[in-house]
N, C-alpha and C. Protein backbone atom coordinates (compact mmCIF):
# COMPACT_ATOMS: atom_id res chain seq x y z
N MET A 1 -11.50 -19.90 -2.82
CA MET A 1 -10.79 -19.44 -1.61
C MET A 1 -11.02 -18.58 -0.56
N ASN A 2 -10.86 -19.19 1.00
CA ASN A 2 -11.25 -18.30 1.91
C ASN A 2 -10.41 -17.33 2.34
N GLU A 3 -11.11 -16.22 3.17
CA GLU A 3 -10.35 -14.60 3.38
C GLU A 3 -8.86 -15.25 4.12
N SER A 4 -8.55 -16.63 5.13
CA SER A 4 -7.24 -16.26 5.56
C SER A 4 -6.07 -16.77 4.27
N HIS A 5 -6.77 -17.36 3.38
CA HIS A 5 -5.76 -17.83 1.95
C HIS A 5 -6.03 -16.25 1.26
N SER A 6 -6.46 -15.34 1.07
CA SER A 6 -6.27 -14.37 0.30
C SER A 6 -5.72 -12.70 0.94
N LYS A 7 -4.69 -12.32 0.35
CA LYS A 7 -4.14 -11.17 0.59
C LYS A 7 -4.98 -9.85 0.14
N VAL A 8 -4.88 -8.95 1.50
CA VAL A 8 -5.29 -7.60 1.13
C VAL A 8 -4.30 -6.21 1.02
N LEU A 9 -4.54 -5.65 0.00
CA LEU A 9 -3.95 -4.78 -0.46
C LEU A 9 -4.43 -3.28 -0.09
N LEU A 10 -3.98 -2.32 0.61
CA LEU A 10 -4.20 -1.02 1.01
C LEU A 10 -3.60 -0.07 -0.48
N LEU A 11 -4.23 0.57 -1.21
CA LEU A 11 -3.57 1.41 -2.06
C LEU A 11 -4.31 2.57 -1.97
N VAL A 12 -3.05 3.68 -1.73
CA VAL A 12 -3.43 4.99 -0.98
C VAL A 12 -2.78 6.12 -2.57
N GLU A 13 -3.76 6.47 -2.97
CA GLU A 13 -3.55 7.05 -4.39
C GLU A 13 -4.70 7.79 -4.80
N ASP A 14 -4.13 8.94 -5.08
CA ASP A 14 -5.49 10.30 -5.13
C ASP A 14 -5.55 10.53 -6.36
N ASN A 15 -4.76 10.29 -7.55
CA ASN A 15 -4.66 10.13 -8.97
C ASN A 15 -5.29 9.06 -9.15
N PRO A 16 -6.62 9.27 -9.45
CA PRO A 16 -8.13 7.99 -10.28
C PRO A 16 -7.28 7.10 -11.29
N LEU A 17 -6.05 7.97 -12.01
CA LEU A 17 -5.61 7.01 -13.30
C LEU A 17 -4.69 6.27 -13.13
N ASP A 18 -3.76 7.05 -11.94
CA ASP A 18 -3.08 5.78 -11.40
C ASP A 18 -3.36 4.96 -10.61
N ALA A 19 -4.53 5.06 -10.08
CA ALA A 19 -5.03 4.06 -9.06
C ALA A 19 -5.80 3.01 -10.02
N HIS A 20 -6.39 3.31 -10.95
CA HIS A 20 -7.17 2.39 -12.20
C HIS A 20 -6.11 1.48 -12.63
N MET A 21 -4.74 1.86 -13.14
CA MET A 21 -3.86 1.23 -13.57
C MET A 21 -3.31 0.45 -12.93
N THR A 22 -2.91 0.85 -11.54
CA THR A 22 -2.43 -0.24 -10.40
C THR A 22 -3.46 -1.42 -10.24
N GLU A 23 -4.85 -0.99 -10.25
CA GLU A 23 -5.67 -2.12 -10.18
C GLU A 23 -5.68 -3.02 -10.91
N HIS A 24 -5.74 -2.40 -12.28
CA HIS A 24 -5.78 -3.32 -13.51
C HIS A 24 -4.55 -4.14 -14.00
N ALA A 25 -3.17 -3.83 -13.25
CA ALA A 25 -2.25 -4.10 -13.44
C ALA A 25 -1.96 -5.72 -12.36
N LEU A 26 -3.09 -5.60 -11.43
CA LEU A 26 -2.80 -6.40 -10.51
C LEU A 26 -4.06 -7.44 -10.74
N MET A 27 -4.83 -7.18 -11.73
CA MET A 27 -6.28 -8.10 -11.75
C MET A 27 -5.66 -9.20 -12.15
N ASP A 28 -4.95 -9.46 -13.21
CA ASP A 28 -4.45 -10.63 -13.49
C ASP A 28 -3.44 -11.48 -12.65
N CYS A 29 -3.34 -11.16 -11.53
CA CYS A 29 -2.02 -11.79 -10.11
C CYS A 29 -2.78 -13.50 -9.89
N GLN A 30 -2.09 -14.10 -9.90
CA GLN A 30 -2.19 -15.33 -9.53
C GLN A 30 -2.75 -15.68 -8.19
N ILE A 31 -2.72 -14.83 -7.50
CA ILE A 31 -3.44 -14.87 -5.79
C ILE A 31 -4.59 -14.29 -5.88
N ASN A 32 -5.28 -14.85 -4.76
CA ASN A 32 -6.68 -14.30 -4.28
C ASN A 32 -6.35 -12.55 -3.56
N LEU A 33 -6.65 -12.06 -4.33
CA LEU A 33 -6.36 -10.35 -3.66
C LEU A 33 -7.58 -9.37 -3.82
N ASN A 34 -7.27 -8.74 -2.49
CA ASN A 34 -8.60 -7.67 -2.09
C ASN A 34 -7.92 -6.66 -1.84
N ILE A 35 -8.06 -5.57 -2.85
CA ILE A 35 -7.44 -4.33 -3.25
C ILE A 35 -8.52 -3.33 -2.62
N HIS A 36 -8.13 -2.48 -1.69
CA HIS A 36 -8.88 -0.87 -1.10
C HIS A 36 -8.02 -0.16 -1.49
N VAL A 37 -8.67 0.67 -2.27
CA VAL A 37 -8.60 2.06 -2.55
C VAL A 37 -8.61 3.26 -1.78
N VAL A 38 -7.76 4.37 -1.16
CA VAL A 38 -8.34 5.50 -0.34
C VAL A 38 -7.35 6.33 -1.05
N THR A 39 -8.07 7.43 -1.10
CA THR A 39 -7.57 9.11 -1.50
C THR A 39 -6.65 9.82 -1.19
N ASP A 40 -6.40 9.50 0.33
CA ASP A 40 -5.81 10.62 0.98
C ASP A 40 -5.22 9.64 2.48
N GLY A 41 -4.70 10.83 3.08
CA GLY A 41 -3.86 10.20 4.05
C GLY A 41 -4.68 9.79 5.23
N ILE A 42 -5.35 10.74 5.10
CA ILE A 42 -6.34 10.89 6.40
C ILE A 42 -7.40 9.69 6.23
N GLU A 43 -7.95 9.23 4.95
CA GLU A 43 -8.90 8.14 5.12
C GLU A 43 -7.65 6.38 5.14
N ALA A 44 -6.30 6.87 4.86
CA ALA A 44 -5.40 5.65 4.88
C ALA A 44 -5.44 5.21 6.37
N MET A 45 -5.08 6.40 7.06
CA MET A 45 -5.03 6.09 8.71
C MET A 45 -6.46 5.45 9.28
N ASN A 46 -7.27 6.00 8.87
CA ASN A 46 -8.81 5.37 9.35
C ASN A 46 -8.78 4.09 8.82
N PHE A 47 -8.65 3.84 7.58
CA PHE A 47 -8.53 2.35 7.17
C PHE A 47 -7.73 1.53 8.16
N LEU A 48 -6.66 1.79 8.60
CA LEU A 48 -5.42 0.94 8.65
C LEU A 48 -6.05 1.21 10.37
N ARG A 49 -6.55 1.83 11.00
CA ARG A 49 -6.86 1.57 12.30
C ARG A 49 -8.41 1.05 12.75
N GLY A 50 -8.93 0.95 11.37
CA GLY A 50 -10.70 0.46 11.49
C GLY A 50 -11.58 1.50 12.03
N VAL A 51 -11.25 2.40 11.99
CA VAL A 51 -12.23 3.85 12.36
C VAL A 51 -13.27 3.89 11.07
N GLY A 52 -14.29 4.22 12.24
CA GLY A 52 -15.69 4.41 10.99
C GLY A 52 -15.90 3.62 9.77
N LYS A 53 -15.88 3.88 8.72
CA LYS A 53 -16.82 2.99 7.76
C LYS A 53 -15.82 2.04 7.21
N TYR A 54 -14.67 2.27 7.73
CA TYR A 54 -13.93 0.75 7.52
C TYR A 54 -13.74 -0.07 8.56
N ALA A 55 -14.22 -0.12 9.91
CA ALA A 55 -14.40 -0.90 10.50
C ALA A 55 -14.89 -2.18 10.27
N GLY A 56 -13.93 -3.29 10.79
CA GLY A 56 -14.46 -4.56 10.45
C GLY A 56 -13.74 -4.93 9.17
N LEU A 57 -12.82 -3.98 8.68
CA LEU A 57 -12.33 -4.52 7.21
C LEU A 57 -10.69 -5.38 8.08
N PRO A 58 -10.51 -6.28 7.16
CA PRO A 58 -9.00 -7.02 7.14
C PRO A 58 -8.17 -6.20 7.24
N ARG A 59 -6.76 -6.01 8.07
CA ARG A 59 -6.00 -5.12 7.85
C ARG A 59 -4.95 -5.29 6.76
N PRO A 60 -4.68 -4.53 6.01
CA PRO A 60 -3.87 -4.77 4.89
C PRO A 60 -2.65 -5.74 5.13
N ASP A 61 -2.27 -6.49 4.06
CA ASP A 61 -0.92 -7.11 4.21
C ASP A 61 0.31 -6.55 3.69
N LEU A 62 0.05 -5.46 2.77
CA LEU A 62 0.73 -4.68 1.77
C LEU A 62 0.28 -3.34 1.77
N VAL A 63 0.72 -2.04 2.12
CA VAL A 63 0.49 -0.44 1.72
C VAL A 63 1.08 -0.14 0.67
N LEU A 64 0.33 0.06 -0.51
CA LEU A 64 1.47 1.00 -1.57
C LEU A 64 0.76 2.45 -1.30
N LEU A 65 1.91 3.34 -0.76
CA LEU A 65 1.69 4.18 -0.54
C LEU A 65 1.78 5.78 -1.18
N ASP A 66 1.33 6.45 -2.09
CA ASP A 66 1.94 7.80 -2.61
C ASP A 66 2.29 8.68 -1.83
N LEU A 67 3.68 9.66 -2.43
CA LEU A 67 3.71 10.81 -1.09
C LEU A 67 3.09 11.75 -1.13
N ASN A 68 2.64 12.30 -2.40
CA ASN A 68 1.70 13.57 -2.29
C ASN A 68 0.33 13.33 -2.05
N LEU A 69 -0.17 13.53 -1.12
CA LEU A 69 -1.46 13.43 -1.19
C LEU A 69 -2.29 14.21 -0.31
N PRO A 70 -3.52 14.46 -0.50
CA PRO A 70 -4.41 15.61 0.20
C PRO A 70 -4.63 15.10 1.43
N GLY A 71 -4.81 16.25 2.38
CA GLY A 71 -5.07 15.89 3.89
C GLY A 71 -3.97 15.49 4.75
N LYS A 72 -3.26 14.46 4.60
CA LYS A 72 -2.19 14.02 5.13
C LYS A 72 -0.98 13.44 3.96
N ASP A 73 0.17 14.04 4.00
CA ASP A 73 0.47 12.98 2.80
C ASP A 73 1.18 11.87 3.33
N GLY A 74 1.96 11.40 2.32
CA GLY A 74 2.36 10.10 2.39
C GLY A 74 3.48 9.81 3.44
N ARG A 75 4.59 10.72 3.53
CA ARG A 75 5.39 10.66 4.73
C ARG A 75 5.05 10.60 6.03
N THR A 76 3.79 11.41 6.32
CA THR A 76 3.28 11.55 7.76
C THR A 76 2.17 10.42 8.04
N VAL A 77 1.78 9.88 6.97
CA VAL A 77 1.18 8.39 7.19
C VAL A 77 2.19 7.44 7.39
N LEU A 78 3.14 7.29 6.70
CA LEU A 78 4.37 6.37 6.84
C LEU A 78 4.86 6.63 8.29
N SER A 79 5.07 7.54 8.61
CA SER A 79 5.91 7.98 10.07
C SER A 79 4.99 7.72 11.17
N GLU A 80 3.48 7.91 11.19
CA GLU A 80 2.40 7.15 11.87
C GLU A 80 2.08 5.99 12.04
N MET A 81 2.25 5.39 10.78
CA MET A 81 2.45 3.72 10.98
C MET A 81 3.59 3.46 11.33
N LYS A 82 4.80 3.84 11.14
CA LYS A 82 5.92 2.64 11.81
C LYS A 82 6.38 3.56 13.49
N ALA A 83 5.17 4.00 13.96
CA ALA A 83 5.48 4.62 15.21
C ALA A 83 4.46 3.71 16.10
N ASP A 84 3.47 3.34 15.46
CA ASP A 84 2.12 2.94 15.76
C ASP A 84 2.71 1.37 15.76
N ALA A 85 2.88 0.90 17.24
CA ALA A 85 2.80 -1.00 17.47
C ALA A 85 2.10 -1.66 16.54
N ASP A 86 0.68 -1.22 16.47
CA ASP A 86 -0.09 -2.19 15.55
C ASP A 86 0.00 -2.19 14.37
N LEU A 87 0.62 -1.08 13.56
CA LEU A 87 0.45 -1.34 12.30
C LEU A 87 2.29 -1.01 11.87
N ARG A 88 3.09 -0.75 12.57
CA ARG A 88 4.69 -1.10 11.84
C ARG A 88 4.74 -2.18 11.26
N ARG A 89 4.32 -3.42 11.32
CA ARG A 89 4.83 -4.55 10.88
C ARG A 89 4.27 -4.82 9.07
N ILE A 90 3.66 -3.59 8.80
CA ILE A 90 2.42 -3.81 7.62
C ILE A 90 3.70 -3.66 6.76
N PRO A 91 4.06 -4.02 5.64
CA PRO A 91 5.12 -3.34 4.52
C PRO A 91 4.36 -2.29 4.00
N VAL A 92 5.33 -1.51 3.68
CA VAL A 92 5.12 -0.47 2.80
C VAL A 92 5.75 -0.02 1.96
N VAL A 93 5.00 -0.15 0.79
CA VAL A 93 5.99 0.02 -0.73
C VAL A 93 5.77 1.80 -1.12
N ILE A 94 6.73 2.76 -1.22
CA ILE A 94 6.40 3.68 -1.74
C ILE A 94 6.04 3.91 -2.91
N LEU A 95 4.97 4.48 -3.83
CA LEU A 95 5.07 4.04 -5.22
C LEU A 95 4.90 5.92 -5.79
N SER A 96 5.77 6.19 -5.99
CA SER A 96 5.92 7.51 -6.24
C SER A 96 6.46 8.38 -7.86
N THR A 97 5.95 9.12 -7.87
CA THR A 97 6.24 9.96 -9.43
C THR A 97 7.71 10.10 -8.83
N SER A 98 8.08 10.96 -7.65
CA SER A 98 8.83 11.51 -7.22
C SER A 98 10.39 10.65 -7.45
N GLN A 99 11.72 11.05 -8.15
CA GLN A 99 12.92 10.53 -7.81
C GLN A 99 13.81 11.10 -7.39
N ALA A 100 13.42 12.19 -6.48
CA ALA A 100 14.31 13.04 -5.77
C ALA A 100 15.10 12.61 -4.85
N PRO A 101 16.21 12.45 -4.64
CA PRO A 101 17.02 11.49 -3.69
C PRO A 101 16.58 12.25 -2.26
N GLU A 102 16.34 13.67 -1.99
CA GLU A 102 15.47 13.45 -0.47
C GLU A 102 14.41 13.09 -0.37
N ASP A 103 13.27 12.47 -1.39
CA ASP A 103 12.30 11.92 -0.93
C ASP A 103 12.55 10.50 -1.03
N VAL A 104 13.80 9.94 -1.59
CA VAL A 104 13.84 8.70 -1.37
C VAL A 104 14.45 8.11 0.12
N ILE A 105 15.66 9.12 0.28
CA ILE A 105 16.20 9.21 1.96
C ILE A 105 15.41 9.25 3.02
N LYS A 106 14.33 10.14 2.72
CA LYS A 106 13.14 10.80 3.79
C LYS A 106 12.11 9.18 3.95
N ALA A 107 12.12 8.48 2.73
CA ALA A 107 10.90 7.52 3.13
C ALA A 107 11.89 6.27 3.58
N TYR A 108 13.29 6.14 3.49
CA TYR A 108 13.58 4.94 4.17
C TYR A 108 13.91 5.49 5.86
N ASP A 109 14.14 6.95 5.53
CA ASP A 109 14.51 7.04 7.41
C ASP A 109 13.22 6.96 8.02
N LEU A 110 12.29 6.99 7.44
CA LEU A 110 10.59 6.95 7.70
C LEU A 110 10.28 5.35 7.75
N HIS A 111 11.16 4.41 7.36
CA HIS A 111 11.36 2.74 7.51
C HIS A 111 10.38 2.26 6.30
N ALA A 112 10.26 2.90 5.39
CA ALA A 112 9.56 2.57 4.06
C ALA A 112 10.35 1.16 4.05
N ASN A 113 9.62 0.16 3.48
CA ASN A 113 10.19 -1.57 3.04
C ASN A 113 10.76 -1.00 1.58
N SER A 114 10.39 -0.35 0.75
CA SER A 114 10.87 0.18 -0.61
C SER A 114 10.35 1.34 -0.95
N TYR A 115 11.02 1.55 -1.83
CA TYR A 115 10.85 3.15 -2.94
C TYR A 115 10.48 2.70 -4.46
N VAL A 116 9.86 2.97 -5.01
CA VAL A 116 9.55 2.55 -6.24
C VAL A 116 8.89 3.45 -7.51
N SER A 117 9.73 4.37 -7.69
CA SER A 117 9.42 5.02 -8.82
C SER A 117 8.76 4.54 -9.90
N LYS A 118 7.01 5.23 -10.04
CA LYS A 118 6.34 5.15 -11.05
C LYS A 118 6.60 5.65 -12.50
N PRO A 119 6.78 4.49 -13.48
CA PRO A 119 7.05 4.42 -14.87
C PRO A 119 6.07 5.51 -15.31
N VAL A 120 6.43 6.13 -16.59
CA VAL A 120 5.35 7.01 -17.35
C VAL A 120 4.83 5.99 -18.02
N GLU A 121 5.65 5.21 -18.77
CA GLU A 121 5.00 4.35 -19.72
C GLU A 121 4.37 3.11 -19.17
N LEU A 122 3.01 2.70 -20.12
CA LEU A 122 2.50 2.07 -19.63
C LEU A 122 2.91 0.61 -19.58
N ASP A 123 3.51 -0.07 -20.25
CA ASP A 123 4.25 -1.57 -20.09
C ASP A 123 5.22 -1.16 -18.97
N LEU A 124 6.00 -0.44 -18.79
CA LEU A 124 6.78 -0.27 -17.69
C LEU A 124 5.87 -0.25 -16.24
N PHE A 125 5.01 0.58 -16.48
CA PHE A 125 4.48 0.65 -15.31
C PHE A 125 3.17 -0.39 -14.61
N THR A 126 3.11 -1.05 -15.66
CA THR A 126 2.60 -2.67 -15.32
C THR A 126 3.62 -3.37 -14.71
N ALA A 127 4.94 -3.64 -15.12
CA ALA A 127 5.78 -4.11 -14.78
C ALA A 127 6.17 -3.73 -13.33
N ALA A 128 6.45 -2.67 -13.16
CA ALA A 128 6.21 -2.19 -11.57
C ALA A 128 5.62 -2.77 -11.31
N ILE A 129 4.32 -2.44 -10.92
CA ILE A 129 3.19 -3.09 -9.94
C ILE A 129 3.39 -4.39 -10.20
N LYS A 130 3.51 -5.60 -11.20
CA LYS A 130 3.63 -7.14 -11.07
C LYS A 130 4.45 -7.26 -10.38
N SER A 131 6.11 -6.84 -10.60
CA SER A 131 6.80 -7.05 -9.84
C SER A 131 6.99 -6.79 -7.99
N ILE A 132 6.07 -5.75 -8.00
CA ILE A 132 5.66 -5.73 -6.72
C ILE A 132 5.04 -6.69 -5.90
N GLN A 133 3.65 -6.98 -6.57
CA GLN A 133 2.82 -7.96 -6.46
C GLN A 133 3.53 -9.19 -6.23
N GLN A 134 4.59 -9.26 -7.02
CA GLN A 134 5.14 -10.85 -6.98
C GLN A 134 6.40 -11.39 -5.93
N PHE A 135 6.90 -9.85 -5.66
CA PHE A 135 7.61 -10.16 -4.45
C PHE A 135 7.09 -10.24 -3.02
N TRP A 136 5.91 -9.04 -2.92
CA TRP A 136 5.44 -8.72 -1.62
C TRP A 136 4.76 -9.50 -1.55
N LEU A 137 3.48 -9.85 -2.31
CA LEU A 137 2.43 -10.90 -2.07
C LEU A 137 2.65 -12.39 -2.61
N SER A 138 3.48 -12.34 -3.40
CA SER A 138 4.02 -14.03 -3.51
C SER A 138 5.07 -14.81 -3.12
N THR A 139 5.89 -13.93 -2.68
CA THR A 139 7.40 -14.39 -2.30
C THR A 139 7.70 -14.23 -1.08
N ALA A 140 7.60 -13.08 -0.82
CA ALA A 140 8.25 -12.62 0.89
C ALA A 140 6.90 -13.03 2.10
N LEU A 141 7.70 -13.68 2.79
CA LEU A 141 6.67 -13.72 4.47
C LEU A 141 6.27 -12.69 4.93
N LEU A 142 4.81 -12.67 5.20
CA LEU A 142 4.28 -11.86 5.89
C LEU A 142 3.84 -11.69 7.35
N PRO A 143 3.90 -11.02 7.83
CA PRO A 143 3.72 -11.37 9.45
C PRO A 143 1.98 -11.68 9.45
N THR A 144 1.62 -12.61 10.18
CA THR A 144 0.40 -12.72 10.27
C THR A 144 -0.50 -11.94 10.55
N ARG A 145 -1.84 -11.55 9.70
CA ARG A 145 -2.74 -10.93 9.95
C ARG A 145 -3.47 -11.04 11.65
N PRO A 146 -3.57 -10.06 12.18
CA PRO A 146 -4.61 -10.57 13.40
C PRO A 146 -6.08 -10.89 13.20
N HIS A 147 -6.46 -11.39 14.06
CA HIS A 147 -7.71 -11.81 13.88
C HIS A 147 -8.59 -10.67 14.15
N GLN A 148 -9.67 -10.12 13.35
CA GLN A 148 -10.24 -9.18 13.98
C GLN A 148 -11.89 -9.80 14.09
N THR A 149 -12.25 -9.11 15.33
CA THR A 149 -14.11 -9.52 15.01
C THR A 149 -14.58 -8.13 14.37
N VAL A 150 -15.72 -8.81 13.86
CA VAL A 150 -16.79 -7.42 12.81
C VAL A 150 -17.88 -7.43 13.94
């Protein structure tokens, strides 16, 4: 499958176990999926803007964003993305352990596309990730990724 038919997902997650479980849950999806993982908000913004070691990488079709990150937290990343005309159309799914109403409200106030609380049980976690993948990468129509030059 060529690059134009593959989907690109950026996972912004500082917990190595959560990142591994997310990648594992996505491995058997029926689409050609390129997963990139960064562990803090600064790296997320560098990836999204194609800065430094991320120059020339394709822009993601979807961002899975944890809220509590080192360097720059997920709320700040979300705010910066949605304020940037080049990034605001990229769907952002908040994937957080927090179920606090104020976190959910703040995320939607910052224009998150959805908010998913990470289930603790492995089977439920896997099902949640697969449902995100099914909707956002298989069902929903996403904005066309701009052509990038390398």
